[in-house]
């Protein structure tokens, strides 16, 4: 016998349940907002990886051992963390958001993994990392570069790092000389570590989706005998100068007043530490006429960049010859504006900073290094790590350091 059609009573029985399918898009959005624990802050890179397959692949590529201590930067709600805890001895999670730290703590509360988890609340770039064997991170894109530099510059870096980055940043890590994305990060990362691209990750695998595609890379820092016997701070200090504008020549990068002043301060520090007396004698303006000024050096560099500049210079020169070549009788016929311009072109603004013997010595040392290495007219964007090592060695021989 069939059931009688009865009307559903109004009240509690008619209210929606978490298992009821929303009838339209508006209800679906309302249900999603109601079920969210809290709102993610995308300003600090909170894009939670929701694809379990990618989370498994990231942990698998770290090749964890049962005795490993793992450092995770930005664990979020713990989708990767719970997988790390199943394979490692201990997990140290560094989280900036207290809500996220509370979420991951509650997720393992009452389980055997609770004792294996330690949460550090704070900024990963400002905190001192505890000793660890492996670093795994769905990295907030805002701290990608500082995090890589911090990990590689550690006295005892981790065995390997499996990190998620923005796709373009990952390409910078693996770029080679001559590539458009080749920069200071590329040289440092490849000089002090081995980098492998693991996989690409689409934006649809995150909640909320970011505006860019992502990639996972594996970074294996060189340790022991494989690590270059070069000071990280000094090597990076040299690269900061030559990559200030990677399309400029090395001569132009070292010819600016700011860089020469920096090198002079470093040289004075070396002299003070090694009891070497520096000559503070003031140099008269006429004694340094043979040296090249910063503006002249930059002008030469611009001329090498653009062939059209030579034609423009020649045209200006011809115009100047026509004016200067006129008879003295015609000078009175020239407008006063042209006379002022001709006078202003000859007069140079005197430098406020008095030149000393030690400043001249430093400039001479820089010119000597650039000439001896044959790198003066090279572009930083096309030099490999061996060229930078050659340049650093030549500067150190002249007692010039960058740390």
Protein backbone atom coordinates (compact mmCIF):
# COMPACT_ATOMS: atom_id res chain seq x y z
CA UNK A 1 0.00 0.00 0.00
CA UNK A 2 1.42 3.39 -1.01
CA UNK A 3 2.36 6.13 1.41
CA UNK A 4 0.00 9.02 1.88
CA UNK A 5 1.31 12.38 0.79
CA UNK A 6 1.87 14.42 3.94
CA UNK A 7 3.08 17.99 4.17
CA UNK A 8 6.33 18.66 6.02
CA UNK A 9 5.78 20.57 9.21
CA UNK A 10 7.29 24.00 9.51
CA UNK A 11 9.89 24.69 12.18
CA UNK A 12 13.08 22.85 13.13
CA UNK A 13 12.37 19.95 10.82
CA UNK A 14 12.38 22.24 7.78
CA UNK A 15 15.75 23.88 8.50
CA UNK A 16 18.67 23.04 6.24
CA UNK A 17 21.33 20.60 7.33
CA UNK A 18 25.01 20.42 6.39
CA UNK A 19 24.16 17.46 4.16
CA UNK A 20 21.47 19.21 2.15
CA UNK A 21 22.44 20.26 -1.36
CA UNK A 22 21.93 24.00 -1.90
CA UNK A 23 19.17 24.82 -4.34
CA UNK A 24 20.96 27.64 -6.13
CA UNK A 25 24.27 29.48 -6.36
CA UNK A 26 23.32 32.04 -3.75
CA UNK A 27 22.56 29.36 -1.20
CA UNK A 28 25.75 27.52 -2.15
CA UNK A 29 27.86 30.60 -1.45
CA UNK A 30 26.08 31.16 1.84
CA UNK A 31 26.64 27.54 2.87
CA UNK A 32 30.33 27.73 1.96
CA UNK A 33 30.77 30.91 4.00
CA UNK A 34 28.95 29.32 6.93
CA UNK A 35 31.14 26.22 6.92
CA UNK A 36 34.45 28.15 6.71
CA UNK A 37 36.31 28.18 10.01
CA UNK A 38 37.81 31.62 9.32
CA UNK A 39 38.65 33.89 6.43
CA UNK A 40 42.05 33.38 4.81
CA UNK A 41 44.33 36.41 4.64
CA UNK A 42 45.78 36.44 1.12
CA UNK A 43 47.86 39.53 1.96
CA UNK A 44 50.26 37.28 3.86
CA UNK A 45 50.11 34.46 1.32
CA UNK A 46 47.45 32.24 2.90
CA UNK A 47 46.58 29.97 -0.01
CA UNK A 48 45.90 26.52 1.43
CA UNK A 49 46.89 23.52 -0.68
CA UNK A 50 43.75 21.40 -0.94
CA UNK A 51 44.92 18.70 -3.39
CA UNK A 52 45.93 15.64 -1.30
CA UNK A 53 47.87 14.13 -4.20
CA UNK A 54 50.19 17.13 -4.45
CA UNK A 55 50.63 17.18 -0.66
CA UNK A 56 51.67 13.51 -0.77
CA UNK A 57 54.09 14.18 -3.65
CA UNK A 58 55.77 17.07 -1.80
CA UNK A 59 56.41 14.92 1.28
CA UNK A 60 57.55 11.95 -0.81
CA UNK A 61 60.11 14.06 -2.71
CA UNK A 62 61.71 15.07 0.59
CA UNK A 63 62.75 11.43 1.18
CA UNK A 64 62.18 11.71 4.92
CA UNK A 65 63.81 9.37 7.40
CA UNK A 66 62.26 8.22 10.69
CA UNK A 67 64.99 10.14 12.55
CA UNK A 68 64.53 13.46 10.73
CA UNK A 69 63.53 16.76 12.27
CA UNK A 70 61.52 18.75 9.73
CA UNK A 71 61.01 22.50 9.59
CA UNK A 72 57.80 23.65 7.89
CA UNK A 73 57.26 27.30 6.99
CA UNK A 74 53.61 28.36 6.89
CA UNK A 75 51.79 25.10 7.71
CA UNK A 76 48.35 26.69 7.37
CA UNK A 77 45.64 24.25 8.40
CA UNK A 78 48.11 21.35 8.41
CA UNK A 79 47.35 19.47 5.19
CA UNK A 80 51.06 18.86 4.60
CA UNK A 81 51.93 18.76 8.31
CA UNK A 82 49.90 15.64 9.11
CA UNK A 83 51.72 13.78 6.33
CA UNK A 84 55.12 14.90 7.64
CA UNK A 85 54.27 13.74 11.16
CA UNK A 86 53.55 10.24 9.87
CA UNK A 87 57.11 9.88 8.51
CA UNK A 88 59.40 12.12 10.60
CA UNK A 89 60.58 12.10 14.18
CA UNK A 90 59.64 15.73 14.87
CA UNK A 91 58.00 18.66 13.09
CA UNK A 92 58.75 22.31 13.91
CA UNK A 93 56.08 24.47 12.28
CA UNK A 94 56.68 28.23 11.96
CA UNK A 95 53.37 30.11 11.62
CA UNK A 96 52.64 33.84 11.55
CA UNK A 97 48.86 33.64 12.09
CA UNK A 98 47.75 32.55 15.60
CA UNK A 99 44.50 31.19 14.14
CA UNK A 100 46.41 28.82 11.88
CA UNK A 101 48.71 27.78 14.73
CA UNK A 102 45.65 26.92 16.82
CA UNK A 103 44.09 25.00 13.92
CA UNK A 104 47.07 22.73 13.33
CA UNK A 105 47.44 22.15 17.08
CA UNK A 106 43.80 21.08 17.39
CA UNK A 107 44.17 18.83 14.36
CA UNK A 108 46.70 16.54 16.06
CA UNK A 109 45.42 16.92 19.61
CA UNK A 110 44.75 13.56 21.24
CA UNK A 111 46.75 11.62 18.64
CA UNK A 112 50.22 10.02 18.92
CA UNK A 113 51.57 12.83 16.69
CA UNK A 114 50.76 15.49 19.27
CA UNK A 115 54.10 15.03 21.05
CA UNK A 116 55.99 15.24 17.74
CA UNK A 117 54.65 18.70 16.86
CA UNK A 118 56.18 22.00 17.96
CA UNK A 119 54.65 25.27 16.76
CA UNK A 120 56.70 28.50 16.68
CA UNK A 121 54.58 31.63 16.37
CA UNK A 122 56.24 34.48 14.51
CA UNK A 123 57.83 35.72 11.29
CA UNK A 124 59.97 33.03 9.66
CA UNK A 125 62.46 35.59 8.34
CA UNK A 126 63.05 37.14 11.76
CA UNK A 127 63.09 33.95 13.84
CA UNK A 128 66.20 31.85 14.40
CA UNK A 129 65.61 28.42 12.91
CA UNK A 130 66.29 25.47 15.19
CA UNK A 131 68.56 22.69 13.90
CA UNK A 132 66.68 20.58 11.36
CA UNK A 133 67.35 18.00 8.66
CA UNK A 134 64.73 18.89 6.04
CA UNK A 135 62.72 22.01 5.24
CA UNK A 136 59.29 21.71 3.59
CA UNK A 137 57.08 24.67 2.80
CA UNK A 138 54.11 25.91 0.82
CA UNK A 139 55.96 29.19 0.90
CA UNK A 140 54.14 32.52 1.16
CA UNK A 141 55.25 34.18 -2.06
CA UNK A 142 56.16 37.44 -0.29
CA UNK A 143 59.09 35.81 1.53
CA UNK A 144 60.37 33.50 -1.23
CA UNK A 145 63.68 35.25 -1.87
CA UNK A 146 64.57 36.04 1.80
CA UNK A 147 63.74 32.46 2.78
CA UNK A 148 66.04 30.95 0.16
CA UNK A 149 68.91 33.25 1.13
CA UNK A 150 68.37 32.51 4.82
CA UNK A 151 68.39 28.74 4.32
CA UNK A 152 71.48 28.73 2.08
CA UNK A 153 73.46 31.09 4.33
CA UNK A 154 72.99 28.94 7.44
CA UNK A 155 76.26 27.54 8.87
CA UNK A 156 74.64 24.09 8.92
CA UNK A 157 71.94 24.14 6.23
CA UNK A 158 69.34 21.36 6.01
CA UNK A 159 69.97 18.24 3.95
CA UNK A 160 67.32 19.27 1.45
CA UNK A 161 64.46 21.73 1.03
CA UNK A 162 61.25 21.01 -0.87
CA UNK A 163 59.59 24.36 -1.42
CA UNK A 164 56.58 25.65 -3.32
CA UNK A 165 57.14 28.94 -5.15
CA UNK A 166 55.54 31.15 -7.73
CA UNK A 167 56.33 29.76 -11.20
CA UNK A 168 58.41 32.77 -12.27
CA UNK A 169 60.46 32.66 -9.07
CA UNK A 170 61.17 28.95 -9.61
CA UNK A 171 62.39 29.76 -13.12
CA UNK A 172 64.73 32.38 -11.68
CA UNK A 173 66.26 29.77 -9.40
CA UNK A 174 67.14 27.57 -12.38
CA UNK A 175 68.00 30.31 -14.92
CA UNK A 176 71.39 30.19 -16.65
CA UNK A 177 73.68 33.02 -17.86
CA UNK A 178 72.09 34.90 -20.73
CA UNK A 179 68.50 34.05 -19.73
CA UNK A 180 66.18 37.03 -19.17
CA UNK A 181 65.41 35.82 -15.60
CA UNK A 182 69.07 35.28 -14.65
CA UNK A 183 69.92 37.40 -11.59
CA UNK A 184 71.75 37.48 -8.26
CA UNK A 185 69.40 34.83 -6.84
CA UNK A 186 70.25 32.44 -9.68
CA UNK A 187 74.01 32.70 -9.09
CA UNK A 188 73.81 32.32 -5.30
CA UNK A 189 71.34 29.44 -5.37
CA UNK A 190 73.20 27.43 -8.00
CA UNK A 191 76.62 28.15 -6.50
CA UNK A 192 75.75 26.95 -3.02
CA UNK A 193 73.19 24.22 -3.84
CA UNK A 194 71.79 21.80 -6.40
CA UNK A 195 68.31 22.74 -7.62
CA UNK A 196 65.78 20.42 -9.25
CA UNK A 197 62.36 21.34 -10.59
CA UNK A 198 59.89 18.73 -9.34
CA UNK A 199 56.47 19.63 -10.71
CA UNK A 200 54.09 22.38 -11.74
CA UNK A 201 51.04 23.17 -9.61
CA UNK A 202 47.98 24.91 -11.03
CA UNK A 203 46.21 27.69 -9.18
CA UNK A 204 43.01 25.60 -8.90
CA UNK A 205 44.75 23.36 -6.35
CA UNK A 206 44.62 26.09 -3.68
CA UNK A 207 41.89 27.63 -1.58
CA UNK A 208 41.50 30.49 -2.24
CA UNK A 209 43.17 30.27 -5.69
CA UNK A 210 46.16 32.61 -6.17
CA UNK A 211 46.51 34.75 -9.28
CA UNK A 212 49.67 32.97 -10.48
CA UNK A 213 50.80 29.44 -11.24
CA UNK A 214 53.18 27.64 -8.87
CA UNK A 215 56.05 25.16 -8.99
CA UNK A 216 57.71 22.83 -6.50
CA UNK A 217 61.52 22.74 -6.42
CA UNK A 218 63.99 20.63 -4.48
CA UNK A 219 67.05 22.47 -3.16
CA UNK A 220 69.99 20.45 -1.86
CA UNK A 221 72.55 22.77 -0.19
CA UNK A 222 76.18 21.83 -0.65
CA UNK A 223 77.74 20.78 2.65
CA UNK A 224 81.09 19.56 3.86
CA UNK A 225 83.71 19.24 1.14
CA UNK A 226 81.21 20.03 -1.58
CA UNK A 227 80.41 23.46 -0.13
CA UNK A 228 82.56 26.20 -1.75
CA UNK A 229 85.22 27.60 0.56
CA UNK A 230 83.90 31.11 -0.02
CA UNK A 231 82.26 33.44 2.46
CA UNK A 232 78.56 33.64 1.70
CA UNK A 233 78.35 37.26 2.87
CA UNK A 234 81.31 38.37 0.75
CA UNK A 235 80.22 36.54 -2.39
CA UNK A 236 76.72 37.94 -2.06
CA UNK A 237 78.14 41.42 -1.39
CA UNK A 238 79.99 41.32 -4.71
CA UNK A 239 76.88 40.12 -6.54
CA UNK A 240 74.81 42.93 -5.03
CA UNK A 241 77.08 45.44 -6.77
CA UNK A 242 77.36 43.83 -10.19
CA UNK A 243 73.65 42.94 -10.33
CA UNK A 244 72.44 46.41 -9.27
CA UNK A 245 71.73 46.70 -13.00
CA UNK A 246 72.59 43.45 -14.69
CA UNK A 247 72.62 44.97 -18.20
CA UNK A 248 75.29 47.50 -17.26
CA UNK A 249 78.94 46.65 -17.70
CA UNK A 250 81.00 45.64 -14.69
CA UNK A 251 83.07 48.82 -15.13
CA UNK A 252 79.96 50.98 -14.85
CA UNK A 253 78.73 49.09 -11.77
CA UNK A 254 82.00 49.75 -9.93
CA UNK A 255 82.33 53.32 -11.22
CA UNK A 256 79.53 54.96 -9.25
CA UNK A 257 80.35 57.25 -6.35
CA UNK A 258 78.29 55.18 -3.91
CA UNK A 259 80.11 51.93 -4.75
CA UNK A 260 83.55 53.54 -4.60
CA UNK A 261 82.69 55.06 -1.23
CA UNK A 262 81.54 51.64 0.01
CA UNK A 263 84.75 49.96 -1.19
CA UNK A 264 86.81 52.72 0.42
CA UNK A 265 85.09 52.16 3.78
CA UNK A 266 85.71 48.43 3.53
CA UNK A 267 89.35 49.03 2.66
CA UNK A 268 89.75 51.36 5.63
CA UNK A 269 88.27 48.66 7.87
CA UNK A 270 90.76 46.10 6.54
CA UNK A 271 93.64 48.53 7.13
CA UNK A 272 92.49 49.17 10.70
CA UNK A 273 92.27 45.44 11.43
CA UNK A 274 95.73 44.79 9.97
CA UNK A 275 97.50 47.89 11.36
CA UNK A 276 98.05 49.42 7.93
CA UNK A 277 98.37 53.21 7.87
CA UNK A 278 96.24 55.01 5.26
CA UNK A 279 97.23 58.25 3.60
CA UNK A 280 94.65 60.95 4.41
CA UNK A 281 96.41 63.67 2.40
CA UNK A 282 93.98 65.88 0.49
CA UNK A 283 94.51 65.75 -3.27
CA UNK A 284 94.41 69.00 -5.24
CA UNK A 285 91.91 69.21 -8.08
CA UNK A 286 94.56 69.36 -10.74
CA UNK A 287 96.24 66.11 -9.72
CA UNK A 288 93.28 63.91 -10.58
CA UNK A 289 92.47 65.30 -14.02
CA UNK A 290 93.53 62.14 -15.80
CA UNK A 291 90.96 60.00 -14.02
CA UNK A 292 87.57 59.21 -15.45
CA UNK A 293 84.55 60.72 -13.74
CA UNK A 294 81.44 58.73 -12.90
CA UNK A 295 79.38 60.59 -15.51
CA UNK A 296 81.94 59.83 -18.23
CA UNK A 297 81.99 56.14 -17.32
CA UNK A 298 78.22 55.90 -17.39
CA UNK A 299 78.18 57.76 -20.69
CA UNK A 300 80.60 55.22 -22.21
CA UNK A 301 78.37 52.42 -20.97
CA UNK A 302 75.30 53.99 -22.54
CA UNK A 303 77.12 54.38 -25.84
CA UNK A 304 77.92 50.66 -25.86
CA UNK A 305 74.26 49.86 -25.20
CA UNK A 306 72.76 51.98 -27.99
CA UNK A 307 74.46 52.50 -31.34
CA UNK A 308 72.18 55.45 -32.07
CA UNK A 309 73.86 57.44 -29.29
CA UNK A 310 77.04 57.70 -31.35
CA UNK A 311 75.16 59.42 -34.12
CA UNK A 312 73.49 61.77 -31.67
CA UNK A 313 76.85 62.66 -30.11
CA UNK A 314 78.35 63.33 -33.51
CA UNK A 315 75.49 65.62 -34.42
CA UNK A 316 75.94 67.61 -31.23
CA UNK A 317 79.66 67.81 -31.89
CA UNK A 318 79.13 69.14 -35.39
CA UNK A 319 76.77 71.77 -34.07
CA UNK A 320 79.32 72.82 -31.49
CA UNK A 321 82.05 73.07 -34.15
CA UNK A 322 79.88 75.30 -36.26
CA UNK A 323 79.33 77.69 -33.37
CA UNK A 324 82.93 77.62 -32.12
CA UNK A 325 84.29 77.91 -35.62
CA UNK A 326 82.67 81.23 -36.32
CA UNK A 327 84.74 84.38 -36.58
CA UNK A 328 85.24 86.56 -33.53
CA UNK A 329 83.36 89.31 -35.29
CA UNK A 330 80.24 87.17 -35.36
CA UNK A 331 80.28 86.38 -31.61
CA UNK A 332 78.48 89.60 -30.85
CA UNK A 333 75.64 88.54 -33.13
CA UNK A 334 74.96 85.35 -31.13
CA UNK A 335 72.03 85.46 -28.69
CA UNK A 336 72.97 85.54 -25.02
CA UNK A 337 71.25 82.16 -24.51
CA UNK A 338 73.79 80.33 -26.72
CA UNK A 339 76.70 82.04 -24.98
CA UNK A 340 75.39 80.91 -21.56
CA UNK A 341 74.91 77.35 -22.79
CA UNK A 342 78.44 77.23 -24.21
CA UNK A 343 79.88 78.48 -20.92
CA UNK A 344 77.78 76.06 -18.84
CA UNK A 345 78.96 73.11 -20.93
CA UNK A 346 82.59 73.81 -20.03
CA UNK A 347 82.22 74.55 -16.33
CA UNK A 348 81.89 71.45 -14.10
CA UNK A 349 80.27 71.43 -10.69
CA UNK A 350 82.99 70.88 -8.10
CA UNK A 351 82.59 67.89 -5.85
CA UNK A 352 81.69 68.65 -2.24
CA UNK A 353 83.66 65.64 -1.01
CA UNK A 354 87.40 66.24 -0.86
CA UNK A 355 89.50 63.57 -2.52
CA UNK A 356 92.17 61.90 -0.46
CA UNK A 357 95.12 59.70 -1.33
CA UNK A 358 93.38 56.64 0.02
CA UNK A 359 90.37 57.30 -2.24
CA UNK A 360 92.68 57.55 -5.24
CA UNK A 361 94.39 54.35 -4.16
CA UNK A 362 91.07 52.51 -3.96
CA UNK A 363 90.03 53.75 -7.38
CA UNK A 364 93.36 52.61 -8.82
CA UNK A 365 92.94 49.18 -7.23
CA UNK A 366 89.45 48.81 -8.73
CA UNK A 367 90.72 49.77 -12.19
CA UNK A 368 93.61 47.34 -11.85
CA UNK A 369 91.27 44.46 -10.94
CA UNK A 370 88.90 45.17 -13.83
CA UNK A 371 91.76 45.32 -16.32
CA UNK A 372 93.54 42.21 -15.04
CA UNK A 373 90.39 40.06 -15.12
CA UNK A 374 89.25 41.28 -18.57
CA UNK A 375 85.71 41.59 -17.19
CA UNK A 376 85.37 45.37 -17.29
CA UNK A 377 83.25 45.43 -20.45
CA UNK A 378 81.22 42.30 -19.64
CA UNK A 379 77.59 42.31 -18.52
CA UNK A 380 76.66 40.66 -15.24
CA UNK A 381 73.65 38.96 -16.85
CA UNK A 382 75.98 36.94 -19.09
CA UNK A 383 78.68 35.94 -16.59
CA UNK A 384 78.78 32.57 -14.85
CA UNK A 385 79.84 31.74 -11.31
CA UNK A 386 83.47 31.14 -12.36
CA UNK A 387 83.75 34.72 -13.62
CA UNK A 388 82.39 36.08 -10.34
CA UNK A 389 84.84 33.91 -8.39
CA UNK A 390 87.68 35.24 -10.54
CA UNK A 391 86.56 38.79 -9.85
CA UNK A 392 86.24 38.20 -6.10
CA UNK A 393 89.69 36.58 -5.92
CA UNK A 394 91.28 39.53 -7.73
CA UNK A 395 89.66 42.03 -5.35
CA UNK A 396 90.77 40.02 -2.30
CA UNK A 397 94.37 40.05 -3.60
CA UNK A 398 94.15 43.84 -3.51
CA UNK A 399 92.84 43.64 0.08
CA UNK A 400 89.35 44.74 -0.97
CA UNK A 401 86.49 42.83 0.64
CA UNK A 402 82.70 43.07 0.43
CA UNK A 403 81.49 41.60 3.73
